[in-house]
Amino acid sequence: MPTEDNDLRAIELLSRVPYGRVAMSMRALPFLAVARHIVVHGRVLLRMHAGFNHHQACHGSVVAYGADNFGSDHGTMWSVQCTGTAEIFDPAHAELELFGRGPHYVDGELFNPVYLHIEPQFVTAHTLNNAPERRFEHAL
């Protein structure tokens, strides 16, 4: 059963990694897009590339945002998902500093940032303790 303590723990975990995926609907189909995120006062703030118009599909809609620490060297793996309405906004100078420098290019296009905020309505966190590691090897 979710509690406020669990929600706070999930949001704290989310603040440990810089990138995640936002799930939205585009033309009535589910779609995932990568986004840079920060957590400020319990809100999840996203930075995305405007060139793909994913932000337009998110704006005013209920979206899910998820991030995890899979692939890290930590013993406990975790995954967080939050759901809420996304809105385009203009970040304050302090928020821009928290985002840091963006990429120069996205799929060959100059990076053009756009910002969204999500006030999470539902938050979940799942952990995997002592999960077996799997190293990927490439066959030549």
N, C-alpha and C. Protein backbone atom coordinates (compact mmCIF):
# COMPACT_ATOMS: atom_id res chain seq x y z
N MET A 1 0.84 -1.18 0.00
CA MET A 1 0.00 0.00 0.00
C MET A 1 0.89 1.25 0.00
N PRO A 2 0.69 2.17 -0.94
CA PRO A 2 1.52 3.37 -1.00
C PRO A 2 1.30 4.26 0.21
N THR A 3 2.37 4.85 0.68
CA THR A 3 2.30 5.82 1.76
C THR A 3 3.11 7.04 1.36
N GLU A 4 2.91 8.12 2.10
CA GLU A 4 3.67 9.33 1.81
C GLU A 4 5.17 9.07 1.96
N ASP A 5 5.58 8.26 2.95
CA ASP A 5 6.99 7.92 3.13
C ASP A 5 7.53 7.18 1.91
N ASN A 6 6.73 6.25 1.37
CA ASN A 6 7.17 5.53 0.17
C ASN A 6 7.30 6.47 -1.02
N ASP A 7 6.35 7.42 -1.15
CA ASP A 7 6.43 8.39 -2.24
C ASP A 7 7.69 9.23 -2.12
N LEU A 8 7.99 9.70 -0.91
CA LEU A 8 9.19 10.50 -0.71
C LEU A 8 10.45 9.71 -1.01
N ARG A 9 10.47 8.45 -0.63
CA ARG A 9 11.62 7.58 -0.92
C ARG A 9 11.77 7.40 -2.43
N ALA A 10 10.68 7.20 -3.13
CA ALA A 10 10.74 7.02 -4.58
C ALA A 10 11.26 8.28 -5.25
N ILE A 11 10.78 9.44 -4.84
CA ILE A 11 11.25 10.70 -5.42
C ILE A 11 12.73 10.92 -5.10
N GLU A 12 13.15 10.53 -3.91
CA GLU A 12 14.57 10.65 -3.55
C GLU A 12 15.42 9.76 -4.44
N LEU A 13 14.97 8.54 -4.72
CA LEU A 13 15.69 7.65 -5.63
C LEU A 13 15.79 8.27 -7.02
N LEU A 14 14.71 8.85 -7.47
CA LEU A 14 14.68 9.47 -8.79
C LEU A 14 15.73 10.57 -8.90
N SER A 15 15.96 11.29 -7.82
CA SER A 15 16.94 12.38 -7.86
C SER A 15 18.38 11.88 -7.95
N ARG A 16 18.60 10.58 -7.85
CA ARG A 16 19.96 10.01 -7.91
C ARG A 16 20.47 9.77 -9.32
N VAL A 17 19.59 9.80 -10.30
CA VAL A 17 20.00 9.56 -11.68
C VAL A 17 19.54 10.72 -12.55
N PRO A 18 20.26 11.03 -13.64
CA PRO A 18 19.93 12.22 -14.42
C PRO A 18 18.92 12.01 -15.56
N TYR A 19 18.76 10.80 -16.05
CA TYR A 19 17.91 10.56 -17.22
C TYR A 19 16.88 9.48 -16.95
N GLY A 20 15.79 9.57 -17.67
CA GLY A 20 14.75 8.56 -17.61
C GLY A 20 13.96 8.58 -18.91
N ARG A 21 12.75 8.01 -18.85
CA ARG A 21 11.89 7.91 -20.03
C ARG A 21 10.49 8.39 -19.68
N VAL A 22 9.95 9.21 -20.56
CA VAL A 22 8.59 9.68 -20.39
C VAL A 22 7.70 8.88 -21.35
N ALA A 23 6.60 8.36 -20.82
CA ALA A 23 5.65 7.58 -21.62
C ALA A 23 4.43 8.45 -21.88
N MET A 24 4.04 8.50 -23.14
CA MET A 24 2.92 9.34 -23.56
C MET A 24 2.17 8.62 -24.66
N SER A 25 1.14 9.25 -25.13
CA SER A 25 0.41 8.73 -26.27
C SER A 25 0.60 9.69 -27.43
N MET A 26 1.01 9.16 -28.57
CA MET A 26 1.14 9.96 -29.79
C MET A 26 0.30 9.30 -30.87
N ARG A 27 -0.67 10.04 -31.37
CA ARG A 27 -1.59 9.52 -32.38
C ARG A 27 -2.24 8.21 -31.91
N ALA A 28 -2.65 8.21 -30.67
CA ALA A 28 -3.35 7.08 -30.02
C ALA A 28 -2.47 5.85 -29.82
N LEU A 29 -1.15 6.00 -29.96
CA LEU A 29 -0.24 4.89 -29.74
C LEU A 29 0.70 5.21 -28.58
N PRO A 30 1.06 4.21 -27.77
CA PRO A 30 2.01 4.48 -26.68
C PRO A 30 3.39 4.77 -27.24
N PHE A 31 4.12 5.66 -26.57
CA PHE A 31 5.43 6.08 -27.04
C PHE A 31 6.32 6.43 -25.86
N LEU A 32 7.61 6.12 -25.93
CA LEU A 32 8.59 6.47 -24.91
C LEU A 32 9.61 7.43 -25.49
N ALA A 33 10.02 8.42 -24.70
CA ALA A 33 11.06 9.35 -25.12
C ALA A 33 12.01 9.60 -23.95
N VAL A 34 13.27 9.76 -24.26
CA VAL A 34 14.26 10.03 -23.22
C VAL A 34 14.17 11.48 -22.78
N ALA A 35 14.44 11.72 -21.50
CA ALA A 35 14.41 13.09 -20.97
C ALA A 35 15.42 13.20 -19.83
N ARG A 36 15.97 14.37 -19.69
CA ARG A 36 16.80 14.71 -18.53
C ARG A 36 15.83 15.20 -17.47
N HIS A 37 16.08 14.83 -16.22
CA HIS A 37 15.16 15.27 -15.16
C HIS A 37 15.92 15.78 -13.95
N ILE A 38 15.24 16.62 -13.21
CA ILE A 38 15.66 17.03 -11.87
C ILE A 38 14.42 16.99 -10.99
N VAL A 39 14.64 16.93 -9.70
CA VAL A 39 13.53 16.95 -8.75
C VAL A 39 13.66 18.21 -7.92
N VAL A 40 12.62 19.04 -7.92
CA VAL A 40 12.61 20.30 -7.17
C VAL A 40 11.30 20.38 -6.40
N HIS A 41 11.41 20.41 -5.08
CA HIS A 41 10.23 20.53 -4.20
C HIS A 41 9.16 19.49 -4.53
N GLY A 42 9.58 18.26 -4.78
CA GLY A 42 8.65 17.16 -5.04
C GLY A 42 8.11 17.11 -6.45
N ARG A 43 8.45 18.09 -7.27
CA ARG A 43 8.03 18.08 -8.68
C ARG A 43 9.15 17.52 -9.53
N VAL A 44 8.77 16.83 -10.57
CA VAL A 44 9.74 16.28 -11.52
C VAL A 44 9.77 17.23 -12.71
N LEU A 45 10.93 17.82 -12.96
CA LEU A 45 11.12 18.75 -14.06
C LEU A 45 11.90 18.03 -15.16
N LEU A 46 11.42 18.14 -16.39
CA LEU A 46 12.03 17.44 -17.52
C LEU A 46 12.59 18.43 -18.52
N ARG A 47 13.71 18.01 -19.16
CA ARG A 47 14.25 18.74 -20.30
C ARG A 47 14.32 17.75 -21.46
N MET A 48 13.72 18.14 -22.57
CA MET A 48 13.67 17.30 -23.76
C MET A 48 14.10 18.12 -24.98
N HIS A 49 14.34 17.43 -26.07
CA HIS A 49 14.64 18.09 -27.34
C HIS A 49 13.31 18.47 -27.99
N ALA A 50 13.17 19.76 -28.33
CA ALA A 50 11.93 20.25 -28.91
C ALA A 50 11.74 19.81 -30.35
N GLY A 51 12.81 19.42 -31.02
CA GLY A 51 12.75 19.11 -32.44
C GLY A 51 11.85 17.95 -32.81
N PHE A 52 11.54 17.08 -31.88
CA PHE A 52 10.69 15.93 -32.20
C PHE A 52 9.22 16.16 -31.85
N ASN A 53 8.92 17.27 -31.19
CA ASN A 53 7.56 17.62 -30.76
C ASN A 53 6.97 16.66 -29.75
N HIS A 54 7.79 15.88 -29.07
CA HIS A 54 7.27 15.00 -28.03
C HIS A 54 6.63 15.81 -26.91
N HIS A 55 7.19 16.98 -26.65
CA HIS A 55 6.65 17.82 -25.58
C HIS A 55 5.21 18.24 -25.87
N GLN A 56 4.86 18.39 -27.14
CA GLN A 56 3.49 18.76 -27.49
C GLN A 56 2.51 17.63 -27.16
N ALA A 57 2.97 16.40 -27.33
CA ALA A 57 2.12 15.25 -26.98
C ALA A 57 1.97 15.14 -25.46
N CYS A 58 2.97 15.59 -24.72
CA CYS A 58 2.92 15.51 -23.26
C CYS A 58 2.10 16.64 -22.64
N HIS A 59 2.20 17.83 -23.20
CA HIS A 59 1.61 19.03 -22.60
C HIS A 59 0.10 18.87 -22.37
N GLY A 60 -0.29 19.00 -21.10
CA GLY A 60 -1.70 18.90 -20.73
C GLY A 60 -2.22 17.49 -20.62
N SER A 61 -1.36 16.50 -20.85
CA SER A 61 -1.77 15.09 -20.79
C SER A 61 -1.18 14.39 -19.58
N VAL A 62 -1.83 13.32 -19.18
CA VAL A 62 -1.27 12.47 -18.14
C VAL A 62 -0.18 11.63 -18.76
N VAL A 63 1.00 11.68 -18.15
CA VAL A 63 2.15 10.91 -18.63
C VAL A 63 2.70 10.08 -17.48
N ALA A 64 3.50 9.12 -17.82
CA ALA A 64 4.26 8.37 -16.82
C ALA A 64 5.73 8.67 -17.07
N TYR A 65 6.48 8.85 -16.01
CA TYR A 65 7.92 9.08 -16.12
C TYR A 65 8.62 8.04 -15.27
N GLY A 66 9.61 7.40 -15.83
CA GLY A 66 10.33 6.37 -15.10
C GLY A 66 11.82 6.49 -15.27
N ALA A 67 12.53 6.07 -14.25
CA ALA A 67 13.99 6.03 -14.28
C ALA A 67 14.42 4.89 -13.38
N ASP A 68 15.67 4.46 -13.56
CA ASP A 68 16.20 3.36 -12.76
C ASP A 68 17.70 3.47 -12.67
N ASN A 69 18.29 2.61 -11.88
CA ASN A 69 19.75 2.57 -11.79
C ASN A 69 20.28 1.27 -12.38
N PHE A 70 19.53 0.65 -13.27
CA PHE A 70 19.98 -0.58 -13.91
C PHE A 70 21.27 -0.30 -14.66
N GLY A 71 22.18 -1.22 -14.60
CA GLY A 71 23.47 -1.04 -15.26
C GLY A 71 24.51 -0.36 -14.38
N SER A 72 24.13 0.05 -13.18
CA SER A 72 25.11 0.65 -12.27
C SER A 72 25.77 -0.47 -11.46
N ASP A 73 26.76 -0.11 -10.70
CA ASP A 73 27.50 -1.10 -9.91
C ASP A 73 26.95 -1.24 -8.50
N HIS A 74 25.77 -0.74 -8.24
CA HIS A 74 25.19 -0.83 -6.91
C HIS A 74 24.60 -2.22 -6.69
N GLY A 75 24.62 -2.69 -5.45
CA GLY A 75 24.08 -4.01 -5.13
C GLY A 75 22.57 -4.09 -5.25
N THR A 76 21.89 -3.02 -4.94
CA THR A 76 20.44 -2.99 -5.03
C THR A 76 20.03 -2.19 -6.26
N MET A 77 19.28 -2.83 -7.14
CA MET A 77 18.76 -2.12 -8.31
C MET A 77 17.36 -1.62 -7.97
N TRP A 78 17.00 -0.49 -8.52
CA TRP A 78 15.68 0.06 -8.26
C TRP A 78 15.11 0.68 -9.53
N SER A 79 13.80 0.81 -9.53
CA SER A 79 13.07 1.45 -10.62
C SER A 79 11.96 2.29 -10.00
N VAL A 80 11.81 3.51 -10.52
CA VAL A 80 10.78 4.44 -10.02
C VAL A 80 9.91 4.86 -11.19
N GLN A 81 8.63 4.96 -10.94
CA GLN A 81 7.70 5.49 -11.94
C GLN A 81 6.77 6.46 -11.24
N CYS A 82 6.55 7.61 -11.88
CA CYS A 82 5.57 8.55 -11.36
C CYS A 82 4.62 8.92 -12.49
N THR A 83 3.40 9.22 -12.12
CA THR A 83 2.36 9.55 -13.09
C THR A 83 1.72 10.87 -12.68
N GLY A 84 1.51 11.74 -13.66
CA GLY A 84 0.87 13.01 -13.40
C GLY A 84 0.69 13.77 -14.71
N THR A 85 0.08 14.92 -14.61
CA THR A 85 -0.14 15.75 -15.79
C THR A 85 1.12 16.57 -16.08
N ALA A 86 1.55 16.55 -17.32
CA ALA A 86 2.73 17.30 -17.74
C ALA A 86 2.32 18.66 -18.29
N GLU A 87 3.09 19.66 -17.95
CA GLU A 87 2.85 21.02 -18.44
C GLU A 87 4.17 21.63 -18.89
N ILE A 88 4.16 22.33 -20.02
CA ILE A 88 5.33 23.07 -20.47
C ILE A 88 5.51 24.26 -19.55
N PHE A 89 6.76 24.59 -19.21
CA PHE A 89 7.02 25.75 -18.35
C PHE A 89 8.38 26.34 -18.69
N ASP A 90 8.62 27.55 -18.19
CA ASP A 90 9.91 28.21 -18.33
C ASP A 90 10.64 28.08 -17.01
N PRO A 91 11.76 27.36 -16.98
CA PRO A 91 12.48 27.16 -15.71
C PRO A 91 13.15 28.45 -15.23
N ALA A 92 13.27 28.55 -13.93
CA ALA A 92 14.01 29.64 -13.31
C ALA A 92 15.50 29.41 -13.54
N HIS A 93 16.28 30.45 -13.35
CA HIS A 93 17.73 30.36 -13.55
C HIS A 93 18.34 29.24 -12.69
N ALA A 94 17.91 29.15 -11.43
CA ALA A 94 18.45 28.12 -10.52
C ALA A 94 18.12 26.72 -11.03
N GLU A 95 16.93 26.54 -11.62
CA GLU A 95 16.56 25.23 -12.17
C GLU A 95 17.40 24.91 -13.41
N LEU A 96 17.65 25.91 -14.25
CA LEU A 96 18.52 25.69 -15.41
C LEU A 96 19.91 25.24 -14.99
N GLU A 97 20.42 25.82 -13.91
CA GLU A 97 21.73 25.41 -13.40
C GLU A 97 21.71 23.97 -12.92
N LEU A 98 20.61 23.55 -12.30
CA LEU A 98 20.51 22.16 -11.84
C LEU A 98 20.50 21.18 -13.02
N PHE A 99 19.87 21.56 -14.12
CA PHE A 99 19.88 20.71 -15.30
C PHE A 99 21.28 20.55 -15.87
N GLY A 100 22.09 21.58 -15.77
CA GLY A 100 23.43 21.52 -16.34
C GLY A 100 23.39 21.68 -17.85
N ARG A 101 24.54 21.48 -18.45
CA ARG A 101 24.69 21.63 -19.90
C ARG A 101 23.99 20.49 -20.61
N GLY A 102 23.33 20.80 -21.69
CA GLY A 102 22.66 19.78 -22.49
C GLY A 102 23.59 19.25 -23.58
N PRO A 103 23.12 18.28 -24.33
CA PRO A 103 23.93 17.76 -25.43
C PRO A 103 24.02 18.80 -26.55
N HIS A 104 25.02 18.69 -27.40
CA HIS A 104 25.12 19.60 -28.54
C HIS A 104 24.15 19.21 -29.64
N TYR A 105 24.02 17.91 -29.86
CA TYR A 105 23.19 17.41 -30.96
C TYR A 105 22.31 16.27 -30.47
N VAL A 106 21.16 16.14 -31.09
CA VAL A 106 20.26 15.01 -30.88
C VAL A 106 19.92 14.46 -32.26
N ASP A 107 20.34 13.26 -32.53
CA ASP A 107 20.12 12.63 -33.84
C ASP A 107 20.54 13.55 -34.98
N GLY A 108 21.68 14.20 -34.81
CA GLY A 108 22.22 15.05 -35.86
C GLY A 108 21.67 16.46 -35.90
N GLU A 109 20.64 16.78 -35.11
CA GLU A 109 20.07 18.12 -35.05
C GLU A 109 20.65 18.86 -33.85
N LEU A 110 20.79 20.18 -33.97
CA LEU A 110 21.18 20.98 -32.82
C LEU A 110 20.15 20.80 -31.71
N PHE A 111 20.63 20.60 -30.49
CA PHE A 111 19.74 20.43 -29.35
C PHE A 111 18.98 21.72 -29.08
N ASN A 112 17.68 21.63 -29.02
CA ASN A 112 16.78 22.75 -28.73
C ASN A 112 15.95 22.36 -27.51
N PRO A 113 16.31 22.85 -26.31
CA PRO A 113 15.63 22.37 -25.11
C PRO A 113 14.23 22.93 -24.94
N VAL A 114 13.37 22.09 -24.39
CA VAL A 114 12.04 22.48 -23.96
C VAL A 114 11.84 21.83 -22.60
N TYR A 115 11.06 22.47 -21.73
CA TYR A 115 10.94 22.03 -20.35
C TYR A 115 9.49 21.72 -19.99
N LEU A 116 9.32 20.64 -19.25
CA LEU A 116 8.01 20.21 -18.75
C LEU A 116 8.12 19.98 -17.25
N HIS A 117 7.02 20.13 -16.56
CA HIS A 117 7.00 19.73 -15.14
C HIS A 117 5.85 18.77 -14.92
N ILE A 118 6.08 17.85 -14.01
CA ILE A 118 5.07 16.87 -13.61
C ILE A 118 4.94 16.95 -12.09
N GLU A 119 3.74 17.15 -11.62
CA GLU A 119 3.48 17.04 -10.19
C GLU A 119 2.94 15.64 -9.98
N PRO A 120 3.77 14.73 -9.44
CA PRO A 120 3.36 13.32 -9.37
C PRO A 120 2.09 13.11 -8.55
N GLN A 121 1.16 12.37 -9.14
CA GLN A 121 -0.06 11.98 -8.44
C GLN A 121 0.06 10.56 -7.90
N PHE A 122 0.74 9.71 -8.65
CA PHE A 122 1.01 8.34 -8.23
C PHE A 122 2.49 8.08 -8.40
N VAL A 123 3.10 7.48 -7.40
CA VAL A 123 4.53 7.19 -7.44
C VAL A 123 4.74 5.77 -6.95
N THR A 124 5.56 5.01 -7.68
CA THR A 124 5.91 3.66 -7.24
C THR A 124 7.41 3.48 -7.34
N ALA A 125 7.93 2.66 -6.47
CA ALA A 125 9.35 2.28 -6.51
C ALA A 125 9.43 0.78 -6.27
N HIS A 126 10.27 0.14 -7.03
CA HIS A 126 10.51 -1.29 -6.87
C HIS A 126 12.01 -1.52 -6.76
N THR A 127 12.40 -2.45 -5.89
CA THR A 127 13.82 -2.76 -5.72
C THR A 127 14.06 -4.23 -5.99
N LEU A 128 15.25 -4.50 -6.49
CA LEU A 128 15.72 -5.86 -6.70
C LEU A 128 17.00 -6.02 -5.90
N ASN A 129 16.95 -6.82 -4.86
CA ASN A 129 18.13 -7.06 -4.03
C ASN A 129 18.83 -8.33 -4.47
N ASN A 130 20.15 -8.27 -4.55
CA ASN A 130 20.97 -9.42 -4.91
C ASN A 130 20.54 -10.04 -6.23
N ALA A 131 20.14 -9.21 -7.18
CA ALA A 131 19.78 -9.73 -8.51
C ALA A 131 21.05 -10.18 -9.21
N PRO A 132 20.99 -11.32 -9.91
CA PRO A 132 22.20 -11.79 -10.60
C PRO A 132 22.61 -10.79 -11.68
N GLU A 133 23.92 -10.57 -11.76
CA GLU A 133 24.45 -9.68 -12.78
C GLU A 133 24.60 -10.42 -14.07
N ARG A 134 24.38 -9.72 -15.14
CA ARG A 134 24.60 -10.31 -16.44
C ARG A 134 25.45 -9.37 -17.26
N ARG A 135 26.58 -9.83 -17.68
CA ARG A 135 27.47 -9.05 -18.52
C ARG A 135 27.19 -9.41 -19.96
N PHE A 136 26.99 -8.41 -20.77
CA PHE A 136 26.73 -8.65 -22.18
C PHE A 136 28.05 -8.79 -22.92
N GLU A 137 28.10 -9.77 -23.76
CA GLU A 137 29.27 -9.99 -24.59
C GLU A 137 28.84 -9.93 -26.04
N HIS A 138 29.68 -9.37 -26.83
CA HIS A 138 29.37 -9.24 -28.26
C HIS A 138 30.13 -10.31 -29.02
N ALA A 139 29.41 -11.06 -29.81
CA ALA A 139 30.03 -12.07 -30.66
C ALA A 139 30.50 -11.38 -31.93
N LEU A 140 31.65 -11.73 -32.37
CA LEU A 140 32.18 -11.17 -33.61
C LEU A 140 31.90 -12.06 -34.77
